[in-house]
Amino acid sequence: MKIRIDYDQVLRQAREIESVAADLEEARKELRGIVSDIDANWDGEASNVYMQRCNRLEEYIREVSRDMNRVSATIREVVRIIREADERAKALASKLSSGK
């Protein structure tokens, strides 16, 4: 069985995941600003319920962004490990084929 990996493509995908995570973080910050404005201008029970939901949404977005960054970092680490193993295997195969 032969496994082929396009390291550059995998790393591009990791960067794309990081980019989406950054976009989510930016959206979270925008949400925080909007929610702060609403909080300053709305009082009462409904306001409290709304603020709680917005705070939970903000925390969820923060967690998703953090997790996406972790996934990207893990992908990069796996690429590094596999690339090093692939290079060692190539070097060993070269030595074996040359009889050394």
PDB file of N, CA and C in Angstrom:
ATOM      1  N   MET A   1       0.840  -1.175   0.000  1.00  0.00           N
ATOM      2  CA  MET A   1       0.000   0.000   0.000  1.00  0.00           C
ATOM      3  C   MET A   1       0.886   1.240   0.000  1.00  0.00           C
ATOM      4  N   LYS A   2       0.546   2.160  -0.876  1.00  0.00           N
ATOM      5  CA  LYS A   2       1.335   3.375  -1.005  1.00  0.00           C
ATOM      6  C   LYS A   2       0.481   4.572  -0.581  1.00  0.00           C
ATOM      7  N   ILE A   3       1.060   5.407   0.244  1.00  0.00           N
ATOM      8  CA  ILE A   3       0.377   6.611   0.702  1.00  0.00           C
ATOM      9  C   ILE A   3       1.128   7.811   0.153  1.00  0.00           C
ATOM     10  N   ARG A   4       0.373   8.725  -0.448  1.00  0.00           N
ATOM     11  CA  ARG A   4       0.990   9.937  -0.991  1.00  0.00           C
ATOM     12  C   ARG A   4       0.404  11.145  -0.276  1.00  0.00           C
ATOM     13  N   ILE A   5       1.266  12.062   0.066  1.00  0.00           N
ATOM     14  CA  ILE A   5       0.830  13.278   0.744  1.00  0.00           C
ATOM     15  C   ILE A   5       1.398  14.482   0.002  1.00  0.00           C
ATOM     16  N   ASP A   6       0.528  15.400  -0.332  1.00  0.00           N
ATOM     17  CA  ASP A   6       0.956  16.677  -0.904  1.00  0.00           C
ATOM     18  C   ASP A   6       1.129  17.638   0.278  1.00  0.00           C
ATOM     19  N   TYR A   7       2.353  17.712   0.781  1.00  0.00           N
ATOM     20  CA  TYR A   7       2.623  18.506   1.980  1.00  0.00           C
ATOM     21  C   TYR A   7       2.191  19.965   1.816  1.00  0.00           C
ATOM     22  N   ASP A   8       2.492  20.534   0.653  1.00  0.00           N
ATOM     23  CA  ASP A   8       2.137  21.934   0.430  1.00  0.00           C
ATOM     24  C   ASP A   8       0.625  22.141   0.484  1.00  0.00           C
ATOM     25  N   GLN A   9      -0.125  21.226  -0.116  1.00  0.00           N
ATOM     26  CA  GLN A   9      -1.584  21.337  -0.096  1.00  0.00           C
ATOM     27  C   GLN A   9      -2.121  21.210   1.331  1.00  0.00           C
ATOM     28  N   VAL A  10      -1.593  20.279   2.077  1.00  0.00           N
ATOM     29  CA  VAL A  10      -2.045  20.094   3.465  1.00  0.00           C
ATOM     30  C   VAL A  10      -1.736  21.350   4.287  1.00  0.00           C
ATOM     31  N   LEU A  11      -0.571  21.929   4.083  1.00  0.00           N
ATOM     32  CA  LEU A  11      -0.218  23.154   4.809  1.00  0.00           C
ATOM     33  C   LEU A  11      -1.087  24.333   4.374  1.00  0.00           C
ATOM     34  N   ARG A  12      -1.451  24.389   3.089  1.00  0.00           N
ATOM     35  CA  ARG A  12      -2.380  25.433   2.634  1.00  0.00           C
ATOM     36  C   ARG A  12      -3.727  25.283   3.337  1.00  0.00           C
ATOM     37  N   GLN A  13      -4.170  24.053   3.481  1.00  0.00           N
ATOM     38  CA  GLN A  13      -5.440  23.813   4.165  1.00  0.00           C
ATOM     39  C   GLN A  13      -5.351  24.212   5.640  1.00  0.00           C
ATOM     40  N   ALA A  14      -4.217  23.958   6.262  1.00  0.00           N
ATOM     41  CA  ALA A  14      -4.029  24.380   7.657  1.00  0.00           C
ATOM     42  C   ALA A  14      -4.092  25.900   7.759  1.00  0.00           C
ATOM     43  N   ARG A  15      -3.488  26.599   6.791  1.00  0.00           N
ATOM     44  CA  ARG A  15      -3.552  28.064   6.786  1.00  0.00           C
ATOM     45  C   ARG A  15      -4.983  28.550   6.574  1.00  0.00           C
ATOM     46  N   GLU A  16      -5.733  27.845   5.734  1.00  0.00           N
ATOM     47  CA  GLU A  16      -7.136  28.210   5.504  1.00  0.00           C
ATOM     48  C   GLU A  16      -7.947  28.061   6.792  1.00  0.00           C
ATOM     49  N   ILE A  17      -7.692  27.000   7.530  1.00  0.00           N
ATOM     50  CA  ILE A  17      -8.372  26.809   8.818  1.00  0.00           C
ATOM     51  C   ILE A  17      -8.027  27.958   9.760  1.00  0.00           C
ATOM     52  N   GLU A  18      -6.765  28.349   9.805  1.00  0.00           N
ATOM     53  CA  GLU A  18      -6.352  29.483  10.643  1.00  0.00           C
ATOM     54  C   GLU A  18      -7.051  30.767  10.215  1.00  0.00           C
ATOM     55  N   SER A  19      -7.188  30.947   8.914  1.00  0.00           N
ATOM     56  CA  SER A  19      -7.851  32.140   8.395  1.00  0.00           C
ATOM     57  C   SER A  19      -9.317  32.185   8.821  1.00  0.00           C
ATOM     58  N   VAL A  20      -9.993  31.058   8.736  1.00  0.00           N
ATOM     59  CA  VAL A  20     -11.393  30.996   9.169  1.00  0.00           C
ATOM     60  C   VAL A  20     -11.486  31.258  10.672  1.00  0.00           C
ATOM     61  N   ALA A  21     -10.550  30.712  11.434  1.00  0.00           N
ATOM     62  CA  ALA A  21     -10.530  30.948  12.884  1.00  0.00           C
ATOM     63  C   ALA A  21     -10.351  32.438  13.180  1.00  0.00           C
ATOM     64  N   ALA A  22      -9.484  33.100  12.432  1.00  0.00           N
ATOM     65  CA  ALA A  22      -9.270  34.540  12.621  1.00  0.00           C
ATOM     66  C   ALA A  22     -10.534  35.320  12.256  1.00  0.00           C
ATOM     67  N   ASP A  23     -11.212  34.908  11.183  1.00  0.00           N
ATOM     68  CA  ASP A  23     -12.471  35.555  10.805  1.00  0.00           C
ATOM     69  C   ASP A  23     -13.517  35.395  11.904  1.00  0.00           C
ATOM     70  N   LEU A  24     -13.580  34.207  12.481  1.00  0.00           N
ATOM     71  CA  LEU A  24     -14.520  33.973  13.582  1.00  0.00           C
ATOM     72  C   LEU A  24     -14.199  34.867  14.775  1.00  0.00           C
ATOM     73  N   GLU A  25     -12.933  34.995  15.080  1.00  0.00           N
ATOM     74  CA  GLU A  25     -12.527  35.838  16.211  1.00  0.00           C
ATOM     75  C   GLU A  25     -12.901  37.295  15.944  1.00  0.00           C
ATOM     76  N   GLU A  26     -12.719  37.731  14.716  1.00  0.00           N
ATOM     77  CA  GLU A  26     -13.108  39.098  14.354  1.00  0.00           C
ATOM     78  C   GLU A  26     -14.623  39.273  14.476  1.00  0.00           C
ATOM     79  N   ALA A  27     -15.386  38.291  14.031  1.00  0.00           N
ATOM     80  CA  ALA A  27     -16.847  38.344  14.163  1.00  0.00           C
ATOM     81  C   ALA A  27     -17.253  38.372  15.638  1.00  0.00           C
ATOM     82  N   ARG A  28     -16.538  37.623  16.459  1.00  0.00           N
ATOM     83  CA  ARG A  28     -16.827  37.615  17.899  1.00  0.00           C
ATOM     84  C   ARG A  28     -16.621  39.001  18.498  1.00  0.00           C
ATOM     85  N   LYS A  29     -15.549  39.661  18.093  1.00  0.00           N
ATOM     86  CA  LYS A  29     -15.282  41.009  18.600  1.00  0.00           C
ATOM     87  C   LYS A  29     -16.361  41.994  18.143  1.00  0.00           C
ATOM     88  N   GLU A  30     -16.788  41.860  16.888  1.00  0.00           N
ATOM     89  CA  GLU A  30     -17.869  42.714  16.390  1.00  0.00           C
ATOM     90  C   GLU A  30     -19.153  42.456  17.168  1.00  0.00           C
ATOM     91  N   LEU A  31     -19.443  41.193  17.417  1.00  0.00           N
ATOM     92  CA  LEU A  31     -20.622  40.834  18.203  1.00  0.00           C
ATOM     93  C   LEU A  31     -20.545  41.469  19.584  1.00  0.00           C
ATOM     94  N   ARG A  32     -19.385  41.415  20.210  1.00  0.00           N
ATOM     95  CA  ARG A  32     -19.207  41.993  21.540  1.00  0.00           C
ATOM     96  C   ARG A  32     -19.539  43.483  21.515  1.00  0.00           C
ATOM     97  N   GLY A  33     -19.078  44.189  20.484  1.00  0.00           N
ATOM     98  CA  GLY A  33     -19.375  45.619  20.370  1.00  0.00           C
ATOM     99  C   GLY A  33     -20.862  45.892  20.204  1.00  0.00           C
ATOM    100  N   ILE A  34     -21.506  45.112  19.361  1.00  0.00           N
ATOM    101  CA  ILE A  34     -22.947  45.268  19.139  1.00  0.00           C
ATOM    102  C   ILE A  34     -23.715  44.988  20.422  1.00  0.00           C
ATOM    103  N   VAL A  35     -23.352  43.910  21.080  1.00  0.00           N
ATOM    104  CA  VAL A  35     -24.039  43.526  22.316  1.00  0.00           C
ATOM    105  C   VAL A  35     -23.840  44.597  23.394  1.00  0.00           C
ATOM    106  N   SER A  36     -22.659  45.168  23.462  1.00  0.00           N
ATOM    107  CA  SER A  36     -22.410  46.236  24.441  1.00  0.00           C
ATOM    108  C   SER A  36     -23.303  47.442  24.175  1.00  0.00           C
ATOM    109  N   ASP A  37     -23.451  47.792  22.900  1.00  0.00           N
ATOM    110  CA  ASP A  37     -24.336  48.907  22.547  1.00  0.00           C
ATOM    111  C   ASP A  37     -25.780  48.601  22.929  1.00  0.00           C
ATOM    112  N   ILE A  38     -26.223  47.395  22.645  1.00  0.00           N
ATOM    113  CA  ILE A  38     -27.592  47.002  22.989  1.00  0.00           C
ATOM    114  C   ILE A  38     -27.782  47.031  24.500  1.00  0.00           C
ATOM    115  N   ASP A  39     -26.809  46.506  25.221  1.00  0.00           N
ATOM    116  CA  ASP A  39     -26.903  46.450  26.683  1.00  0.00           C
ATOM    117  C   ASP A  39     -27.038  47.853  27.282  1.00  0.00           C
ATOM    118  N   ALA A  40     -26.347  48.805  26.687  1.00  0.00           N
ATOM    119  CA  ALA A  40     -26.393  50.178  27.201  1.00  0.00           C
ATOM    120  C   ALA A  40     -27.750  50.842  26.961  1.00  0.00           C
ATOM    121  N   ASN A  41     -28.522  50.313  26.013  1.00  0.00           N
ATOM    122  CA  ASN A  41     -29.768  50.967  25.627  1.00  0.00           C
ATOM    123  C   ASN A  41     -31.021  50.143  25.879  1.00  0.00           C
ATOM    124  N   TRP A  42     -30.889  49.024  26.560  1.00  0.00           N
ATOM    125  CA  TRP A  42     -32.052  48.154  26.754  1.00  0.00           C
ATOM    126  C   TRP A  42     -32.015  47.610  28.172  1.00  0.00           C
ATOM    127  N   ASP A  43     -33.086  47.820  28.907  1.00  0.00           N
ATOM    128  CA  ASP A  43     -33.194  47.341  30.281  1.00  0.00           C
ATOM    129  C   ASP A  43     -34.363  46.379  30.398  1.00  0.00           C
ATOM    130  N   GLY A  44     -34.309  45.565  31.428  1.00  0.00           N
ATOM    131  CA  GLY A  44     -35.440  44.696  31.723  1.00  0.00           C
ATOM    132  C   GLY A  44     -35.100  43.221  31.612  1.00  0.00           C
ATOM    133  N   GLU A  45     -36.114  42.410  31.917  1.00  0.00           N
ATOM    134  CA  GLU A  45     -35.968  40.948  31.921  1.00  0.00           C
ATOM    135  C   GLU A  45     -35.537  40.413  30.559  1.00  0.00           C
ATOM    136  N   ALA A  46     -36.194  40.880  29.502  1.00  0.00           N
ATOM    137  CA  ALA A  46     -35.856  40.408  28.152  1.00  0.00           C
ATOM    138  C   ALA A  46     -34.413  40.758  27.806  1.00  0.00           C
ATOM    139  N   SER A  47     -33.983  41.926  28.230  1.00  0.00           N
ATOM    140  CA  SER A  47     -32.602  42.341  27.995  1.00  0.00           C
ATOM    141  C   SER A  47     -31.626  41.383  28.669  1.00  0.00           C
ATOM    142  N   ASN A  48     -31.927  41.002  29.898  1.00  0.00           N
ATOM    143  CA  ASN A  48     -31.051  40.082  30.629  1.00  0.00           C
ATOM    144  C   ASN A  48     -30.965  38.729  29.943  1.00  0.00           C
ATOM    145  N   VAL A  49     -32.106  38.211  29.493  1.00  0.00           N
ATOM    146  CA  VAL A  49     -32.123  36.921  28.794  1.00  0.00           C
ATOM    147  C   VAL A  49     -31.331  37.021  27.498  1.00  0.00           C
ATOM    148  N   TYR A  50     -31.550  38.095  26.759  1.00  0.00           N
ATOM    149  CA  TYR A  50     -30.843  38.299  25.495  1.00  0.00           C
ATOM    150  C   TYR A  50     -29.336  38.384  25.726  1.00  0.00           C
ATOM    151  N   MET A  51     -28.934  39.121  26.739  1.00  0.00           N
ATOM    152  CA  MET A  51     -27.507  39.271  27.028  1.00  0.00           C
ATOM    153  C   MET A  51     -26.875  37.935  27.409  1.00  0.00           C
ATOM    154  N   GLN A  52     -27.588  37.130  28.177  1.00  0.00           N
ATOM    155  CA  GLN A  52     -27.068  35.806  28.536  1.00  0.00           C
ATOM    156  C   GLN A  52     -26.856  34.953  27.290  1.00  0.00           C
ATOM    157  N   ARG A  53     -27.806  34.996  26.388  1.00  0.00           N
ATOM    158  CA  ARG A  53     -27.668  34.206  25.149  1.00  0.00           C
ATOM    159  C   ARG A  53     -26.521  34.719  24.293  1.00  0.00           C
ATOM    160  N   CYS A  54     -26.400  36.013  24.204  1.00  0.00           N
ATOM    161  CA  CYS A  54     -25.292  36.581  23.427  1.00  0.00           C
ATOM    162  C   CYS A  54     -23.946  36.230  24.052  1.00  0.00           C
ATOM    163  N   ASN A  55     -23.877  36.257  25.363  1.00  0.00           N
ATOM    164  CA  ASN A  55     -22.632  35.887  26.045  1.00  0.00           C
ATOM    165  C   ASN A  55     -22.283  34.426  25.794  1.00  0.00           C
ATOM    166  N   ARG A  56     -23.290  33.556  25.805  1.00  0.00           N
ATOM    167  CA  ARG A  56     -23.035  32.137  25.499  1.00  0.00           C
ATOM    168  C   ARG A  56     -22.576  31.973  24.055  1.00  0.00           C
ATOM    169  N   LEU A  57     -23.197  32.715  23.140  1.00  0.00           N
ATOM    170  CA  LEU A  57     -22.790  32.657  21.737  1.00  0.00           C
ATOM    171  C   LEU A  57     -21.358  33.144  21.571  1.00  0.00           C
ATOM    172  N   GLU A  58     -21.029  34.223  22.238  1.00  0.00           N
ATOM    173  CA  GLU A  58     -19.667  34.750  22.155  1.00  0.00           C
ATOM    174  C   GLU A  58     -18.651  33.725  22.661  1.00  0.00           C
ATOM    175  N   GLU A  59     -18.958  33.078  23.762  1.00  0.00           N
ATOM    176  CA  GLU A  59     -18.056  32.065  24.312  1.00  0.00           C
ATOM    177  C   GLU A  59     -17.930  30.877  23.362  1.00  0.00           C
ATOM    178  N   TYR A  60     -19.038  30.477  22.757  1.00  0.00           N
ATOM    179  CA  TYR A  60     -19.014  29.370  21.800  1.00  0.00           C
ATOM    180  C   TYR A  60     -18.122  29.720  20.608  1.00  0.00           C
ATOM    181  N   ILE A  61     -18.273  30.929  20.085  1.00  0.00           N
ATOM    182  CA  ILE A  61     -17.441  31.360  18.955  1.00  0.00           C
ATOM    183  C   ILE A  61     -15.970  31.357  19.360  1.00  0.00           C
ATOM    184  N   ARG A  62     -15.670  31.829  20.559  1.00  0.00           N
ATOM    185  CA  ARG A  62     -14.285  31.841  21.055  1.00  0.00           C
ATOM    186  C   ARG A  62     -13.725  30.416  21.100  1.00  0.00           C
ATOM    187  N   GLU A  63     -14.517  29.484  21.609  1.00  0.00           N
ATOM    188  CA  GLU A  63     -14.074  28.087  21.708  1.00  0.00           C
ATOM    189  C   GLU A  63     -13.856  27.467  20.332  1.00  0.00           C
ATOM    190  N   VAL A  64     -14.763  27.734  19.399  1.00  0.00           N
ATOM    191  CA  VAL A  64     -14.618  27.183  18.048  1.00  0.00           C
ATOM    192  C   VAL A  64     -13.356  27.736  17.392  1.00  0.00           C
ATOM    193  N   SER A  65     -13.133  29.028  17.520  1.00  0.00           N
ATOM    194  CA  SER A  65     -11.936  29.646  16.949  1.00  0.00           C
ATOM    195  C   SER A  65     -10.673  29.037  17.551  1.00  0.00           C
ATOM    196  N   ARG A  66     -10.662  28.886  18.873  1.00  0.00           N
ATOM    197  CA  ARG A  66      -9.509  28.284  19.557  1.00  0.00           C
ATOM    198  C   ARG A  66      -9.291  26.850  19.081  1.00  0.00           C
ATOM    199  N   ASP A  67     -10.373  26.087  18.980  1.00  0.00           N
ATOM    200  CA  ASP A  67     -10.255  24.698  18.540  1.00  0.00           C
ATOM    201  C   ASP A  67      -9.759  24.601  17.100  1.00  0.00           C
ATOM    202  N   MET A  68     -10.219  25.506  16.245  1.00  0.00           N
ATOM    203  CA  MET A  68      -9.746  25.502  14.860  1.00  0.00           C
ATOM    204  C   MET A  68      -8.253  25.802  14.803  1.00  0.00           C
ATOM    205  N   ASN A  69      -7.787  26.718  15.626  1.00  0.00           N
ATOM    206  CA  ASN A  69      -6.345  26.993  15.676  1.00  0.00           C
ATOM    207  C   ASN A  69      -5.570  25.777  16.176  1.00  0.00           C
ATOM    208  N   ARG A  70      -6.135  25.061  17.121  1.00  0.00           N
ATOM    209  CA  ARG A  70      -5.486  23.829  17.599  1.00  0.00           C
ATOM    210  C   ARG A  70      -5.426  22.779  16.493  1.00  0.00           C
ATOM    211  N   VAL A  71      -6.509  22.648  15.737  1.00  0.00           N
ATOM    212  CA  VAL A  71      -6.525  21.695  14.620  1.00  0.00           C
ATOM    213  C   VAL A  71      -5.442  22.066  13.615  1.00  0.00           C
ATOM    214  N   SER A  72      -5.352  23.333  13.289  1.00  0.00           N
ATOM    215  CA  SER A  72      -4.336  23.782  12.341  1.00  0.00           C
ATOM    216  C   SER A  72      -2.930  23.479  12.851  1.00  0.00           C
ATOM    217  N   ALA A  73      -2.686  23.750  14.115  1.00  0.00           N
ATOM    218  CA  ALA A  73      -1.367  23.468  14.699  1.00  0.00           C
ATOM    219  C   ALA A  73      -1.076  21.972  14.685  1.00  0.00           C
ATOM    220  N   THR A  74      -2.084  21.168  14.953  1.00  0.00           N
ATOM    221  CA  THR A  74      -1.907  19.711  14.933  1.00  0.00           C
ATOM    222  C   THR A  74      -1.586  19.236  13.523  1.00  0.00           C
ATOM    223  N   ILE A  75      -2.291  19.778  12.537  1.00  0.00           N
ATOM    224  CA  ILE A  75      -2.017  19.417  11.143  1.00  0.00           C
ATOM    225  C   ILE A  75      -0.571  19.746  10.799  1.00  0.00           C
ATOM    226  N   ARG A  76      -0.118  20.925  11.173  1.00  0.00           N
ATOM    227  CA  ARG A  76       1.267  21.321  10.888  1.00  0.00           C
ATOM    228  C   ARG A  76       2.265  20.366  11.551  1.00  0.00           C
ATOM    229  N   GLU A  77       1.987  19.980  12.781  1.00  0.00           N
ATOM    230  CA  GLU A  77       2.881  19.061  13.494  1.00  0.00           C
ATOM    231  C   GLU A  77       2.886  17.683  12.836  1.00  0.00           C
ATOM    232  N   VAL A  78       1.725  17.209  12.432  1.00  0.00           N
ATOM    233  CA  VAL A  78       1.644  15.903  11.767  1.00  0.00           C
ATOM    234  C   VAL A  78       2.399  15.948  10.441  1.00  0.00           C
ATOM    235  N   VAL A  79       2.254  17.035   9.697  1.00  0.00           N
ATOM    236  CA  VAL A  79       2.999  17.177   8.441  1.00  0.00           C
ATOM    237  C   VAL A  79       4.493  17.122   8.717  1.00  0.00           C
ATOM    238  N   ARG A  80       4.948  17.821   9.748  1.00  0.00           N
ATOM    239  CA  ARG A  80       6.379  17.816  10.083  1.00  0.00           C
ATOM    240  C   ARG A  80       6.856  16.407  10.403  1.00  0.00           C
ATOM    241  N   ILE A  81       6.095  15.688  11.218  1.00  0.00           N
ATOM    242  CA  ILE A  81       6.481  14.332  11.621  1.00  0.00           C
ATOM    243  C   ILE A  81       6.507  13.391  10.420  1.00  0.00           C
ATOM    244  N   ILE A  82       5.468  13.452   9.598  1.00  0.00           N
ATOM    245  CA  ILE A  82       5.399  12.556   8.437  1.00  0.00           C
ATOM    246  C   ILE A  82       6.495  12.892   7.438  1.00  0.00           C
ATOM    247  N   ARG A  83       6.733  14.187   7.228  1.00  0.00           N
ATOM    248  CA  ARG A  83       7.777  14.592   6.285  1.00  0.00           C
ATOM    249  C   ARG A  83       9.145  14.083   6.746  1.00  0.00           C
ATOM    250  N   GLU A  84       9.434  14.222   8.049  1.00  0.00           N
ATOM    251  CA  GLU A  84      10.709  13.723   8.577  1.00  0.00           C
ATOM    252  C   GLU A  84      10.813  12.211   8.419  1.00  0.00           C
ATOM    253  N   ALA A  85       9.739  11.496   8.706  1.00  0.00           N
ATOM    254  CA  ALA A  85       9.753  10.035   8.555  1.00  0.00           C
ATOM    255  C   ALA A  85       9.938   9.655   7.096  1.00  0.00           C
ATOM    256  N   ASP A  86       9.290  10.388   6.201  1.00  0.00           N
ATOM    257  CA  ASP A  86       9.417  10.127   4.770  1.00  0.00           C
ATOM    258  C   ASP A  86      10.857  10.347   4.310  1.00  0.00           C
ATOM    259  N   GLU A  87      11.474  11.402   4.790  1.00  0.00           N
ATOM    260  CA  GLU A  87      12.865  11.675   4.417  1.00  0.00           C
ATOM    261  C   GLU A  87      13.808  10.602   4.954  1.00  0.00           C
ATOM    262  N   ARG A  88      13.558  10.137   6.193  1.00  0.00           N
ATOM    263  CA  ARG A  88      14.383   9.055   6.741  1.00  0.00           C
ATOM    264  C   ARG A  88      14.196   7.773   5.929  1.00  0.00           C
ATOM    265  N   ALA A  89      12.961   7.488   5.543  1.00  0.00           N
ATOM    266  CA  ALA A  89      12.691   6.278   4.752  1.00  0.00           C
ATOM    267  C   ALA A  89      13.373   6.364   3.390  1.00  0.00           C
ATOM    268  N   LYS A  90      13.340   7.531   2.769  1.00  0.00           N
ATOM    269  CA  LYS A  90      14.011   7.708   1.473  1.00  0.00           C
ATOM    270  C   LYS A  90      15.516   7.516   1.612  1.00  0.00           C
ATOM    271  N   ALA A  91      16.088   8.075   2.675  1.00  0.00           N
ATOM    272  CA  ALA A  91      17.527   7.931   2.895  1.00  0.00           C
ATOM    273  C   ALA A  91      17.890   6.475   3.122  1.00  0.00           C
ATOM    274  N   LEU A  92      17.086   5.767   3.895  1.00  0.00           N
ATOM    275  CA  LEU A  92      17.334   4.349   4.150  1.00  0.00           C
ATOM    276  C   LEU A  92      17.189   3.538   2.871  1.00  0.00           C
ATOM    277  N   ALA A  93      16.165   3.824   2.084  1.00  0.00           N
ATOM    278  CA  ALA A  93      15.964   3.110   0.820  1.00  0.00           C
ATOM    279  C   ALA A  93      17.132   3.358  -0.126  1.00  0.00           C
ATOM    280  N   SER A  94      17.631   4.572  -0.127  1.00  0.00           N
ATOM    281  CA  SER A  94      18.771   4.905  -0.980  1.00  0.00           C
ATOM    282  C   SER A  94      20.015   4.128  -0.551  1.00  0.00           C
ATOM    283  N   LYS A  95      20.236   4.046   0.757  1.00  0.00           N
ATOM    284  CA  LYS A  95      21.378   3.282   1.264  1.00  0.00           C
ATOM    285  C   LYS A  95      21.237   1.808   0.916  1.00  0.00           C
ATOM    286  N   LEU A  96      20.034   1.264   1.081  1.00  0.00           N
ATOM    287  CA  LEU A  96      19.820  -0.158   0.794  1.00  0.00           C
ATOM    288  C   LEU A  96      19.992  -0.462  -0.688  1.00  0.00           C
ATOM    289  N   SER A  97      19.525   0.441  -1.544  1.00  0.00           N
ATOM    290  CA  SER A  97      19.629   0.184  -2.980  1.00  0.00           C
ATOM    291  C   SER A  97      21.057   0.338  -3.484  1.00  0.00           C
ATOM    292  N   SER A  98      21.856   1.147  -2.780  1.00  0.00           N
ATOM    293  CA  SER A  98      23.247   1.310  -3.200  1.00  0.00           C
ATOM    294  C   SER A  98      24.159   0.277  -2.543  1.00  0.00           C
ATOM    295  N   GLY A  99      23.592  -0.533  -1.657  1.00  0.00           N
ATOM    296  CA  GLY A  99      24.358  -1.591  -1.018  1.00  0.00           C
ATOM    297  C   GLY A  99      25.234  -1.125   0.123  1.00  0.00           C
ATOM    298  N   LYS A 100      25.008   0.023   0.656  1.00  0.00           N
ATOM    299  CA  LYS A 100      25.848   0.552   1.744  1.00  0.00           C
ATOM    300  C   LYS A 100      25.266   0.252   3.078  1.00  0.00           C
TER     301      LYS A 100
END
